């Protein structure tokens, strides 16, 4: 299990720099940060 790569999207693992290294250069989120938070609260 020591060779398992950490998933930066999991809370408490990684940081934003690590996450940026995982995303493709042309990554565009589908929702704005505000719309993302509204969706999260709607699901809760």
PDB file of N, CA and C in Angstrom:
ATOM      1  N   UNK A   1       0.826  -1.191   0.000  1.00  0.00           N
ATOM      2  CA  UNK A   1       0.000   0.000   0.000  1.00  0.00           C
ATOM      3  C   UNK A   1       0.875   1.262   0.000  1.00  0.00           C
ATOM      4  N   UNK A   2       2.147   1.141   0.265  1.00  0.00           N
ATOM      5  CA  UNK A   2       3.044   2.291   0.292  1.00  0.00           C
ATOM      6  C   UNK A   2       3.200   2.921  -1.086  1.00  0.00           C
ATOM      7  N   UNK A   3       2.953   2.157  -2.159  1.00  0.00           N
ATOM      8  CA  UNK A   3       3.112   2.699  -3.504  1.00  0.00           C
ATOM      9  C   UNK A   3       1.832   3.348  -4.037  1.00  0.00           C
ATOM     10  N   UNK A   4       0.774   3.361  -3.234  1.00  0.00           N
ATOM     11  CA  UNK A   4      -0.483   3.970  -3.662  1.00  0.00           C
ATOM     12  C   UNK A   4      -0.333   5.479  -3.717  1.00  0.00           C
ATOM     13  N   UNK A   5      -0.740   6.091  -4.828  1.00  0.00           N
ATOM     14  CA  UNK A   5      -0.636   7.539  -4.996  1.00  0.00           C
ATOM     15  C   UNK A   5      -1.789   8.215  -4.264  1.00  0.00           C
ATOM     16  N   UNK A   6      -1.488   9.249  -3.506  1.00  0.00           N
ATOM     17  CA  UNK A   6      -2.513   9.984  -2.766  1.00  0.00           C
ATOM     18  C   UNK A   6      -3.390  10.764  -3.734  1.00  0.00           C
ATOM     19  N   UNK A   7      -4.665  10.822  -3.441  1.00  0.00           N
ATOM     20  CA  UNK A   7      -5.616  11.579  -4.248  1.00  0.00           C
ATOM     21  C   UNK A   7      -5.715  12.985  -3.671  1.00  0.00           C
ATOM     22  N   UNK A   8      -5.223  14.017  -4.418  1.00  0.00           N
ATOM     23  CA  UNK A   8      -5.233  15.375  -3.863  1.00  0.00           C
ATOM     24  C   UNK A   8      -6.626  15.933  -3.621  1.00  0.00           C
ATOM     25  N   UNK A   9      -7.651  15.345  -4.217  1.00  0.00           N
ATOM     26  CA  UNK A   9      -9.004  15.858  -4.035  1.00  0.00           C
ATOM     27  C   UNK A   9      -9.609  15.416  -2.707  1.00  0.00           C
ATOM     28  N   UNK A  10      -8.995  14.460  -2.043  1.00  0.00           N
ATOM     29  CA  UNK A  10      -9.502  13.976  -0.766  1.00  0.00           C
ATOM     30  C   UNK A  10      -9.126  14.975   0.322  1.00  0.00           C
ATOM     31  N   UNK A  11     -10.068  15.411   1.149  1.00  0.00           N
ATOM     32  CA  UNK A  11      -9.748  16.379   2.196  1.00  0.00           C
ATOM     33  C   UNK A  11      -8.605  15.906   3.094  1.00  0.00           C
ATOM     34  N   UNK A  12      -7.677  16.812   3.356  1.00  0.00           N
ATOM     35  CA  UNK A  12      -6.566  16.492   4.238  1.00  0.00           C
ATOM     36  C   UNK A  12      -5.385  15.860   3.546  1.00  0.00           C
ATOM     37  N   UNK A  13      -5.491  15.576   2.257  1.00  0.00           N
ATOM     38  CA  UNK A  13      -4.392  14.963   1.518  1.00  0.00           C
ATOM     39  C   UNK A  13      -3.985  15.905   0.396  1.00  0.00           C
ATOM     40  N   UNK A  14      -2.706  16.210   0.315  1.00  0.00           N
ATOM     41  CA  UNK A  14      -2.206  17.061  -0.755  1.00  0.00           C
ATOM     42  C   UNK A  14      -2.441  18.532  -0.472  1.00  0.00           C
ATOM     43  N   UNK A  15      -2.173  19.329  -1.475  1.00  0.00           N
ATOM     44  CA  UNK A  15      -2.373  20.765  -1.384  1.00  0.00           C
ATOM     45  C   UNK A  15      -2.718  21.280  -2.781  1.00  0.00           C
ATOM     46  N   UNK A  16      -2.933  22.580  -2.905  1.00  0.00           N
ATOM     47  CA  UNK A  16      -3.352  23.116  -4.196  1.00  0.00           C
ATOM     48  C   UNK A  16      -2.274  22.952  -5.258  1.00  0.00           C
ATOM     49  N   UNK A  17      -1.000  23.049  -4.873  1.00  0.00           N
ATOM     50  CA  UNK A  17       0.076  22.857  -5.844  1.00  0.00           C
ATOM     51  C   UNK A  17       0.029  21.442  -6.401  1.00  0.00           C
ATOM     52  N   UNK A  18      -0.130  20.437  -5.524  1.00  0.00           N
ATOM     53  CA  UNK A  18      -0.227  19.049  -5.980  1.00  0.00           C
ATOM     54  C   UNK A  18      -1.441  18.855  -6.882  1.00  0.00           C
ATOM     55  N   UNK A  19      -2.547  19.481  -6.522  1.00  0.00           N
ATOM     56  CA  UNK A  19      -3.755  19.373  -7.328  1.00  0.00           C
ATOM     57  C   UNK A  19      -3.542  19.971  -8.712  1.00  0.00           C
ATOM     58  N   UNK A  20      -2.883  21.127  -8.795  1.00  0.00           N
ATOM     59  CA  UNK A  20      -2.617  21.759 -10.085  1.00  0.00           C
ATOM     60  C   UNK A  20      -1.738  20.861 -10.965  1.00  0.00           C
ATOM     61  N   UNK A  21      -0.845  20.095 -10.352  1.00  0.00           N
ATOM     62  CA  UNK A  21       0.018  19.198 -11.121  1.00  0.00           C
ATOM     63  C   UNK A  21      -0.787  18.047 -11.728  1.00  0.00           C
ATOM     64  N   UNK A  22      -1.894  17.679 -11.112  1.00  0.00           N
ATOM     65  CA  UNK A  22      -2.712  16.566 -11.583  1.00  0.00           C
ATOM     66  C   UNK A  22      -3.682  16.963 -12.692  1.00  0.00           C
ATOM     67  N   UNK A  23      -4.100  18.224 -12.701  1.00  0.00           N
ATOM     68  CA  UNK A  23      -5.088  18.678 -13.676  1.00  0.00           C
ATOM     69  C   UNK A  23      -4.427  18.981 -15.015  1.00  0.00           C
ATOM     70  N   UNK A  24      -5.131  18.736 -16.136  1.00  0.00           N
ATOM     71  CA  UNK A  24      -4.578  19.096 -17.442  1.00  0.00           C
ATOM     72  C   UNK A  24      -4.444  20.611 -17.571  1.00  0.00           C
ATOM     73  N   UNK A  25      -3.548  21.065 -18.439  1.00  0.00           N
ATOM     74  CA  UNK A  25      -3.309  22.499 -18.618  1.00  0.00           C
ATOM     75  C   UNK A  25      -4.547  23.251 -19.087  1.00  0.00           C
ATOM     76  N   UNK A  26      -5.404  22.599 -19.852  1.00  0.00           N
ATOM     77  CA  UNK A  26      -6.589  23.273 -20.392  1.00  0.00           C
ATOM     78  C   UNK A  26      -7.842  23.030 -19.548  1.00  0.00           C
ATOM     79  N   UNK A  27      -7.669  22.658 -18.266  1.00  0.00           N
ATOM     80  CA  UNK A  27      -8.807  22.378 -17.386  1.00  0.00           C
ATOM     81  C   UNK A  27      -9.646  23.627 -17.153  1.00  0.00           C
ATOM     82  N   UNK A  28     -10.927  23.491 -17.329  1.00  0.00           N
ATOM     83  CA  UNK A  28     -11.894  24.564 -17.047  1.00  0.00           C
ATOM     84  C   UNK A  28     -13.007  23.948 -16.203  1.00  0.00           C
ATOM     85  N   UNK A  29     -13.253  24.443 -14.989  1.00  0.00           N
ATOM     86  CA  UNK A  29     -14.342  23.898 -14.179  1.00  0.00           C
ATOM     87  C   UNK A  29     -15.696  24.176 -14.843  1.00  0.00           C
ATOM     88  N   UNK A  30     -16.625  23.268 -14.661  1.00  0.00           N
ATOM     89  CA  UNK A  30     -17.954  23.431 -15.251  1.00  0.00           C
ATOM     90  C   UNK A  30     -18.752  24.511 -14.533  1.00  0.00           C
ATOM     91  N   UNK A  31     -18.497  24.691 -13.231  1.00  0.00           N
ATOM     92  CA  UNK A  31     -19.232  25.673 -12.438  1.00  0.00           C
ATOM     93  C   UNK A  31     -18.266  26.698 -11.841  1.00  0.00           C
ATOM     94  N   UNK A  32     -18.766  27.905 -11.646  1.00  0.00           N
ATOM     95  CA  UNK A  32     -17.974  28.924 -10.955  1.00  0.00           C
ATOM     96  C   UNK A  32     -17.890  28.530  -9.478  1.00  0.00           C
ATOM     97  N   UNK A  33     -16.944  29.108  -8.730  1.00  0.00           N
ATOM     98  CA  UNK A  33     -16.883  28.785  -7.296  1.00  0.00           C
ATOM     99  C   UNK A  33     -18.211  29.054  -6.569  1.00  0.00           C
ATOM    100  N   UNK A  34     -18.892  30.148  -6.918  1.00  0.00           N
ATOM    101  CA  UNK A  34     -20.169  30.463  -6.275  1.00  0.00           C
ATOM    102  C   UNK A  34     -21.213  29.399  -6.611  1.00  0.00           C
ATOM    103  N   UNK A  35     -21.314  29.017  -7.891  1.00  0.00           N
ATOM    104  CA  UNK A  35     -22.284  28.001  -8.293  1.00  0.00           C
ATOM    105  C   UNK A  35     -21.950  26.644  -7.669  1.00  0.00           C
ATOM    106  N   UNK A  36     -20.650  26.354  -7.505  1.00  0.00           N
ATOM    107  CA  UNK A  36     -20.245  25.100  -6.870  1.00  0.00           C
ATOM    108  C   UNK A  36     -20.736  25.052  -5.429  1.00  0.00           C
ATOM    109  N   UNK A  37     -20.556  26.155  -4.690  1.00  0.00           N
ATOM    110  CA  UNK A  37     -21.010  26.188  -3.301  1.00  0.00           C
ATOM    111  C   UNK A  37     -22.528  26.092  -3.218  1.00  0.00           C
ATOM    112  N   UNK A  38     -23.222  26.741  -4.130  1.00  0.00           N
ATOM    113  CA  UNK A  38     -24.695  26.642  -4.139  1.00  0.00           C
ATOM    114  C   UNK A  38     -25.117  25.200  -4.388  1.00  0.00           C
ATOM    115  N   UNK A  39     -24.433  24.516  -5.275  1.00  0.00           N
ATOM    116  CA  UNK A  39     -24.768  23.115  -5.562  1.00  0.00           C
ATOM    117  C   UNK A  39     -24.494  22.230  -4.357  1.00  0.00           C
ATOM    118  N   UNK A  40     -23.373  22.461  -3.676  1.00  0.00           N
ATOM    119  CA  UNK A  40     -23.041  21.667  -2.488  1.00  0.00           C
ATOM    120  C   UNK A  40     -24.112  21.851  -1.415  1.00  0.00           C
ATOM    121  N   UNK A  41     -24.509  23.086  -1.163  1.00  0.00           N
ATOM    122  CA  UNK A  41     -25.518  23.333  -0.132  1.00  0.00           C
ATOM    123  C   UNK A  41     -26.894  22.811  -0.553  1.00  0.00           C
ATOM    124  N   UNK A  42     -27.191  22.822  -1.848  1.00  0.00           N
ATOM    125  CA  UNK A  42     -28.470  22.272  -2.316  1.00  0.00           C
ATOM    126  C   UNK A  42     -28.532  20.763  -2.103  1.00  0.00           C
ATOM    127  N   UNK A  43     -27.381  20.104  -2.274  1.00  0.00           N
ATOM    128  CA  UNK A  43     -27.340  18.649  -2.085  1.00  0.00           C
ATOM    129  C   UNK A  43     -27.491  18.299  -0.604  1.00  0.00           C
ATOM    130  N   UNK A  44     -26.881  19.116   0.257  1.00  0.00           N
ATOM    131  CA  UNK A  44     -26.983  18.861   1.702  1.00  0.00           C
ATOM    132  C   UNK A  44     -28.412  19.038   2.132  1.00  0.00           C
TER     133      UNK A  44
END
